C-alpha atoms as a PDB file:
ATOM      1  CA  MET A   1      18.873   1.900 -38.311  1.00  0.00           C
ATOM      2  CA  TYR A   2      21.007   0.061 -36.113  1.00  0.00           C
ATOM      3  CA  VAL A   3      21.023   0.762 -32.449  1.00  0.00           C
ATOM      4  CA  THR A   4      24.229  -0.441 -30.303  1.00  0.00           C
ATOM      5  CA  ASP A   5      23.525  -3.096 -27.717  1.00  0.00           C
ATOM      6  CA  LYS A   6      23.910  -0.285 -24.854  1.00  0.00           C
ATOM      7  CA  GLU A   7      21.319   1.850 -26.379  1.00  0.00           C
ATOM      8  CA  PHE A   8      19.151  -1.195 -27.017  1.00  0.00           C
ATOM      9  CA  GLU A   9      19.291  -2.150 -23.332  1.00  0.00           C
ATOM     10  CA  LYS A  10      18.626   1.349 -22.263  1.00  0.00           C
ATOM     11  CA  ARG A  11      15.705   1.860 -24.235  1.00  0.00           C
ATOM     12  CA  THR A  12      14.066  -1.494 -23.722  1.00  0.00           C
ATOM     13  CA  MET A  13      14.333  -1.110 -19.870  1.00  0.00           C
ATOM     14  CA  LYS A  14      12.643   2.020 -19.824  1.00  0.00           C
ATOM     15  CA  TRP A  15       9.845   0.489 -21.769  1.00  0.00           C
ATOM     16  CA  VAL A  16       9.766  -2.517 -19.573  1.00  0.00           C
ATOM     17  CA  ARG A  17       9.437  -0.391 -16.331  1.00  0.00           C
ATOM     18  CA  GLU A  18       6.820   1.620 -17.994  1.00  0.00           C
ATOM     19  CA  ILE A  19       4.682  -1.939 -18.807  1.00  0.00           C
ATOM     20  CA  LEU A  20       5.468  -3.386 -15.227  1.00  0.00           C
ATOM     21  CA  GLY A  21       4.661  -0.157 -13.474  1.00  0.00           C
ATOM     22  CA  GLY A  22       6.861   2.546 -11.805  1.00  0.00           C
ATOM     23  CA  GLU A  23       7.279   0.582  -8.385  1.00  0.00           C
ATOM     24  CA  PHE A  24      10.060  -1.547 -10.116  1.00  0.00           C
ATOM     25  CA  VAL A  25      13.464  -0.383  -9.699  1.00  0.00           C
ATOM     26  CA  ARG A  26      17.038  -1.416 -11.149  1.00  0.00           C
ATOM     27  CA  ASP A  27      19.258  -2.236  -8.301  1.00  0.00           C
ATOM     28  CA  GLU A  28      22.836  -2.656  -9.732  1.00  0.00           C
ATOM     29  CA  GLN A  29      24.212  -4.975  -6.917  1.00  0.00           C
ATOM     30  CA  LEU A  30      21.321  -7.395  -7.298  1.00  0.00           C
ATOM     31  CA  ASN A  31      21.673  -7.333 -10.806  1.00  0.00           C
ATOM     32  CA  LEU A  32      25.576  -8.437 -10.699  1.00  0.00           C
ATOM     33  CA  LYS A  33      25.228 -10.754  -7.398  1.00  0.00           C
ATOM     34  CA  GLU A  34      21.691 -12.447  -8.178  1.00  0.00           C
ATOM     35  CA  ARG A  35      20.949 -11.685 -11.629  1.00  0.00           C
ATOM     36  CA  THR A  36      17.884  -9.686 -10.842  1.00  0.00           C
ATOM     37  CA  ASP A  37      17.159  -6.997 -13.127  1.00  0.00           C
ATOM     38  CA  LEU A  38      14.276  -5.078 -11.593  1.00  0.00           C
ATOM     39  CA  VAL A  39      12.719  -5.417  -8.133  1.00  0.00           C
ATOM     40  CA  ASP A  40       9.561  -4.105  -6.315  1.00  0.00           C
ATOM     41  CA  TYR A  41      10.638  -4.071  -2.778  1.00  0.00           C
ATOM     42  CA  GLY A  42       6.958  -4.809  -1.755  1.00  0.00           C
ATOM     43  CA  PRO A  43       5.809  -6.187   0.226  1.00  0.00           C
ATOM     44  CA  PRO A  44       5.780  -8.636  -1.092  1.00  0.00           C
ATOM     45  CA  GLU A  45       9.237  -8.292  -2.837  1.00  0.00           C
ATOM     46  CA  ILE A  46       9.107  -9.293  -6.546  1.00  0.00           C
ATOM     47  CA  ARG A  47      12.322  -9.941  -8.349  1.00  0.00           C
ATOM     48  CA  VAL A  48      12.194  -9.867 -12.430  1.00  0.00           C
ATOM     49  CA  SER A  49      14.672 -11.147 -14.794  1.00  0.00           C
ATOM     50  CA  VAL A  50      14.245  -9.095 -18.106  1.00  0.00           C
ATOM     51  CA  ARG A  51      15.414 -10.258 -21.480  1.00  0.00           C
ATOM     52  CA  VAL A  52      14.365  -8.318 -24.578  1.00  0.00           C
ATOM     53  CA  ARG A  53      15.342  -9.633 -28.001  1.00  0.00           C
ATOM     54  CA  ARG A  54      15.735  -7.863 -31.400  1.00  0.00           C
ATOM     55  CA  PHE A  55      13.133  -8.183 -33.926  1.00  0.00           C
ATOM     56  CA  LYS A  56      15.011 -11.230 -35.953  1.00  0.00           C
ATOM     57  CA  ALA A  57      14.973 -13.109 -32.868  1.00  0.00           C
ATOM     58  CA  PHE A  58      11.315 -13.427 -32.961  1.00  0.00           C
ATOM     59  CA  GLN A  59      11.403 -15.744 -35.762  1.00  0.00           C
ATOM     60  CA  THR A  60      13.998 -18.137 -34.130  1.00  0.00           C
ATOM     61  CA  CYS A  61      12.148 -18.252 -30.880  1.00  0.00           C
ATOM     62  CA  ARG A  62       9.083 -19.675 -33.129  1.00  0.00           C
ATOM     63  CA  LYS A  63       7.264 -16.424 -32.839  1.00  0.00           C
ATOM     64  CA  GLY A  64       7.322 -16.020 -28.918  1.00  0.00           C
ATOM     65  CA  LYS A  65       6.622 -19.618 -28.393  1.00  0.00           C
ATOM     66  CA  ASP A  66       9.937 -20.386 -27.093  1.00  0.00           C
ATOM     67  CA  PHE A  67      12.393 -18.322 -24.232  1.00  0.00           C
ATOM     68  CA  THR A  68      16.021 -18.912 -23.529  1.00  0.00           C
ATOM     69  CA  ILE A  69      17.818 -18.751 -20.281  1.00  0.00           C
ATOM     70  CA  ARG A  70      21.619 -18.977 -20.013  1.00  0.00           C
ATOM     71  CA  TYR A  71      22.519 -22.558 -18.995  1.00  0.00           C
ATOM     72  CA  VAL A  72      26.053 -22.876 -18.838  1.00  0.00           C
ATOM     73  CA  ARG A  73      29.502 -20.903 -19.148  1.00  0.00           C
ATOM     74  CA  SER A  74      32.683 -22.681 -20.105  1.00  0.00           C
ATOM     75  CA  SER A  75      34.273 -21.036 -16.980  1.00  0.00           C
ATOM     76  CA  GLY A  76      31.875 -22.647 -14.810  1.00  0.00           C
ATOM     77  CA  VAL A  77      30.414 -19.812 -13.229  1.00  0.00           C
ATOM     78  CA  GLU A  78      26.883 -19.623 -12.199  1.00  0.00           C
ATOM     79  CA  THR A  79      24.460 -18.679 -14.880  1.00  0.00           C
ATOM     80  CA  GLU A  80      20.954 -17.436 -14.866  1.00  0.00           C
ATOM     81  CA  ILE A  81      19.372 -21.017 -14.435  1.00  0.00           C
ATOM     82  CA  HIS A  82      21.384 -21.671 -11.121  1.00  0.00           C
ATOM     83  CA  LYS A  83      20.041 -18.443  -9.803  1.00  0.00           C
ATOM     84  CA  ILE A  84      16.365 -18.957 -10.899  1.00  0.00           C
ATOM     85  CA  ARG A  85      16.534 -22.553  -9.332  1.00  0.00           C
ATOM     86  CA  GLN A  86      17.592 -20.763  -5.985  1.00  0.00           C
ATOM     87  CA  GLY A  87      14.716 -18.776  -6.109  1.00  0.00           C
ATOM     88  CA  LEU A  88      16.633 -15.398  -6.450  1.00  0.00           C
ATOM     89  CA  VAL A  89      14.265 -14.842  -9.526  1.00  0.00           C
ATOM     90  CA  SER A  90      10.396 -15.378  -9.515  1.00  0.00           C
ATOM     91  CA  TYR A  91       9.616 -13.789 -12.630  1.00  0.00           C
ATOM     92  CA  MET A  92      10.963 -13.155 -16.433  1.00  0.00           C
ATOM     93  CA  PHE A  93       9.706 -10.455 -18.678  1.00  0.00           C
ATOM     94  CA  TYR A  94      10.514 -12.057 -21.914  1.00  0.00           C
ATOM     95  CA  GLY A  95       9.805  -9.568 -25.159  1.00  0.00           C
ATOM     96  CA  PHE A  96      10.941  -8.562 -28.419  1.00  0.00           C
ATOM     97  CA  ALA A  97      11.484  -5.065 -29.811  1.00  0.00           C
ATOM     98  CA  ASN A  98      10.214  -4.144 -33.336  1.00  0.00           C
ATOM     99  CA  LYS A  99      12.322  -3.472 -36.052  1.00  0.00           C
ATOM    100  CA  GLU A 100      12.660   0.045 -35.680  1.00  0.00           C
ATOM    101  CA  VAL A 101      13.527  -0.481 -31.945  1.00  0.00           C
ATOM    102  CA  THR A 102      10.782   2.125 -31.151  1.00  0.00           C
ATOM    103  CA  ARG A 103       8.630  -0.118 -28.630  1.00  0.00           C
ATOM    104  CA  ILE A 104       8.254  -3.686 -27.498  1.00  0.00           C
ATOM    105  CA  PHE A 105       5.798  -5.474 -29.680  1.00  0.00           C
ATOM    106  CA  TYR A 106       5.467  -8.823 -28.121  1.00  0.00           C
ATOM    107  CA  TYR A 107       6.239  -9.971 -24.691  1.00  0.00           C
ATOM    108  CA  ASN A 108       5.289 -12.530 -21.816  1.00  0.00           C
ATOM    109  CA  ILE A 109       5.840 -12.506 -18.000  1.00  0.00           C
ATOM    110  CA  LEU A 110       6.671 -15.663 -17.100  1.00  0.00           C
ATOM    111  CA  ASP A 111       6.479 -17.346 -13.860  1.00  0.00           C
ATOM    112  CA  LEU A 112       9.741 -19.037 -13.032  1.00  0.00           C
ATOM    113  CA  ARG A 113       8.993 -20.418  -9.587  1.00  0.00           C
ATOM    114  CA  VAL A 114       8.372 -24.051 -11.332  1.00  0.00           C
ATOM    115  CA  PHE A 115      12.194 -24.418 -11.796  1.00  0.00           C
ATOM    116  CA  LYS A 116      12.628 -24.349  -8.089  1.00  0.00           C
ATOM    117  CA  ASP A 117      11.682 -27.998  -7.761  1.00  0.00           C
ATOM    118  CA  LYS A 118      13.443 -30.585  -9.709  1.00  0.00           C
ATOM    119  CA  LYS A 119      10.219 -32.585 -10.085  1.00  0.00           C
ATOM    120  CA  THR A 120       8.218 -29.758 -11.673  1.00  0.00           C
ATOM    121  CA  GLU A 121      11.122 -28.015 -13.615  1.00  0.00           C
ATOM    122  CA  PRO A 122      10.234 -28.089 -17.517  1.00  0.00           C
ATOM    123  CA  LYS A 123      13.110 -29.996 -19.414  1.00  0.00           C
ATOM    124  CA  PRO A 124      14.642 -27.711 -22.291  1.00  0.00           C
ATOM    125  CA  LEU A 125      13.860 -28.546 -25.711  1.00  0.00           C
ATOM    126  CA  ARG A 126      17.530 -28.252 -26.591  1.00  0.00           C
ATOM    127  CA  ILE A 127      20.630 -26.633 -25.435  1.00  0.00           C
ATOM    128  CA  LYS A 128      22.368 -24.347 -28.101  1.00  0.00           C
ATOM    129  CA  TRP A 129      25.580 -22.275 -28.082  1.00  0.00           C
ATOM    130  CA  ASN A 130      25.140 -18.418 -27.740  1.00  0.00           C
ATOM    131  CA  PHE A 131      26.045 -16.816 -30.887  1.00  0.00           C
ATOM    132  CA  SER A 132      26.846 -13.648 -29.422  1.00  0.00           C
ATOM    133  CA  SER A 133      29.071 -15.127 -26.917  1.00  0.00           C
ATOM    134  CA  LEU A 134      30.525 -18.266 -27.476  1.00  0.00           C
ATOM    135  CA  ASP A 135      31.447 -19.016 -23.777  1.00  0.00           C
ATOM    136  CA  SER A 136      28.241 -19.957 -22.778  1.00  0.00           C
ATOM    137  CA  ALA A 137      25.311 -21.913 -23.931  1.00  0.00           C
ATOM    138  CA  LEU A 138      21.184 -21.244 -23.658  1.00  0.00           C
ATOM    139  CA  ALA A 139      18.665 -23.711 -22.939  1.00  0.00           C
ATOM    140  CA  VAL A 140      15.508 -23.197 -25.109  1.00  0.00           C
ATOM    141  CA  TYR A 141      12.270 -23.901 -23.198  1.00  0.00           C
ATOM    142  CA  MET A 142       8.635 -23.749 -24.346  1.00  0.00           C
ATOM    143  CA  VAL A 143       6.561 -20.927 -23.168  1.00  0.00           C
ATOM    144  CA  SER A 144       3.802 -23.197 -22.517  1.00  0.00           C
ATOM    145  CA  ASN A 145       5.627 -25.206 -19.961  1.00  0.00           C
ATOM    146  CA  VAL A 146       5.464 -22.578 -17.525  1.00  0.00           C
ATOM    147  CA  ARG A 147       2.740 -20.319 -16.122  1.00  0.00           C
ATOM    148  CA  VAL A 148       2.225 -17.150 -18.307  1.00  0.00           C
ATOM    149  CA  VAL A 149       1.265 -14.372 -15.878  1.00  0.00           C
ATOM    150  CA  ARG A 150       0.627 -11.915 -18.879  1.00  0.00           C
ATOM    151  CA  SER A 151       0.998 -12.003 -22.609  1.00  0.00           C
ATOM    152  CA  TRP A 152       0.901  -9.127 -25.214  1.00  0.00           C
ATOM    153  CA  LEU A 153       1.235  -8.882 -29.002  1.00  0.00           C
ATOM    154  CA  ARG A 154       0.894  -5.114 -30.147  1.00  0.00           C
ATOM    155  CA  GLU A 155       1.052  -6.176 -33.832  1.00  0.00           C
ATOM    156  CA  LYS A 156      -2.088  -8.522 -33.975  1.00  0.00           C
ATOM    157  CA  LEU A 157      -4.467  -6.122 -35.327  1.00  0.00           C
ATOM    158  CA  LEU A 158      -1.882  -4.333 -37.645  1.00  0.00           C
ATOM    159  CA  ILE A 159      -1.247  -7.954 -39.112  1.00  0.00           C
ATOM    160  CA  ARG A 160      -4.921  -8.645 -39.521  1.00  0.00           C
ATOM    161  CA  LYS A 161      -5.518  -5.267 -41.285  1.00  0.00           C
ATOM    162  CA  GLN A 162      -2.545  -5.939 -43.742  1.00  0.00           C
ATOM    163  CA  LYS A 163      -3.830  -9.198 -44.845  1.00  0.00           C
ATOM    164  CA  LYS A 164      -7.121  -7.807 -46.107  1.00  0.00           C
END
């Protein structure tokens, strides 16, 4: 069953909020201006960027070992990387939905504060053009180069059972 992009975002954002907790709200103004998808007004205030990918992307991200951040737009408009460097977002929820789009089966919560300092900012593995939007390029980073606040793989037990 194919789910439209809008329906996919609606479903997955609901699951992300359930995982993070009910204190996180979506503020459309912050999303448009600062690329903040969810915020907990605290104290302390916590801002989270959310990226949930479709199941087939799990393979291209080396089974969750990589993550991508929009790096440049052909128009020159600031992208997520600029806003992360400015400290407007401190964390990223980076996950993958299952094939049926009925749940998130894998995710990492990444601490992005390392990007605020040029000395500690990780170098991308590569820069690649975004296939879904050819006006922008994505930087591919290794998850192991940032602090992982939480990681979860729901399918682990299921995979082990199937191998027996």
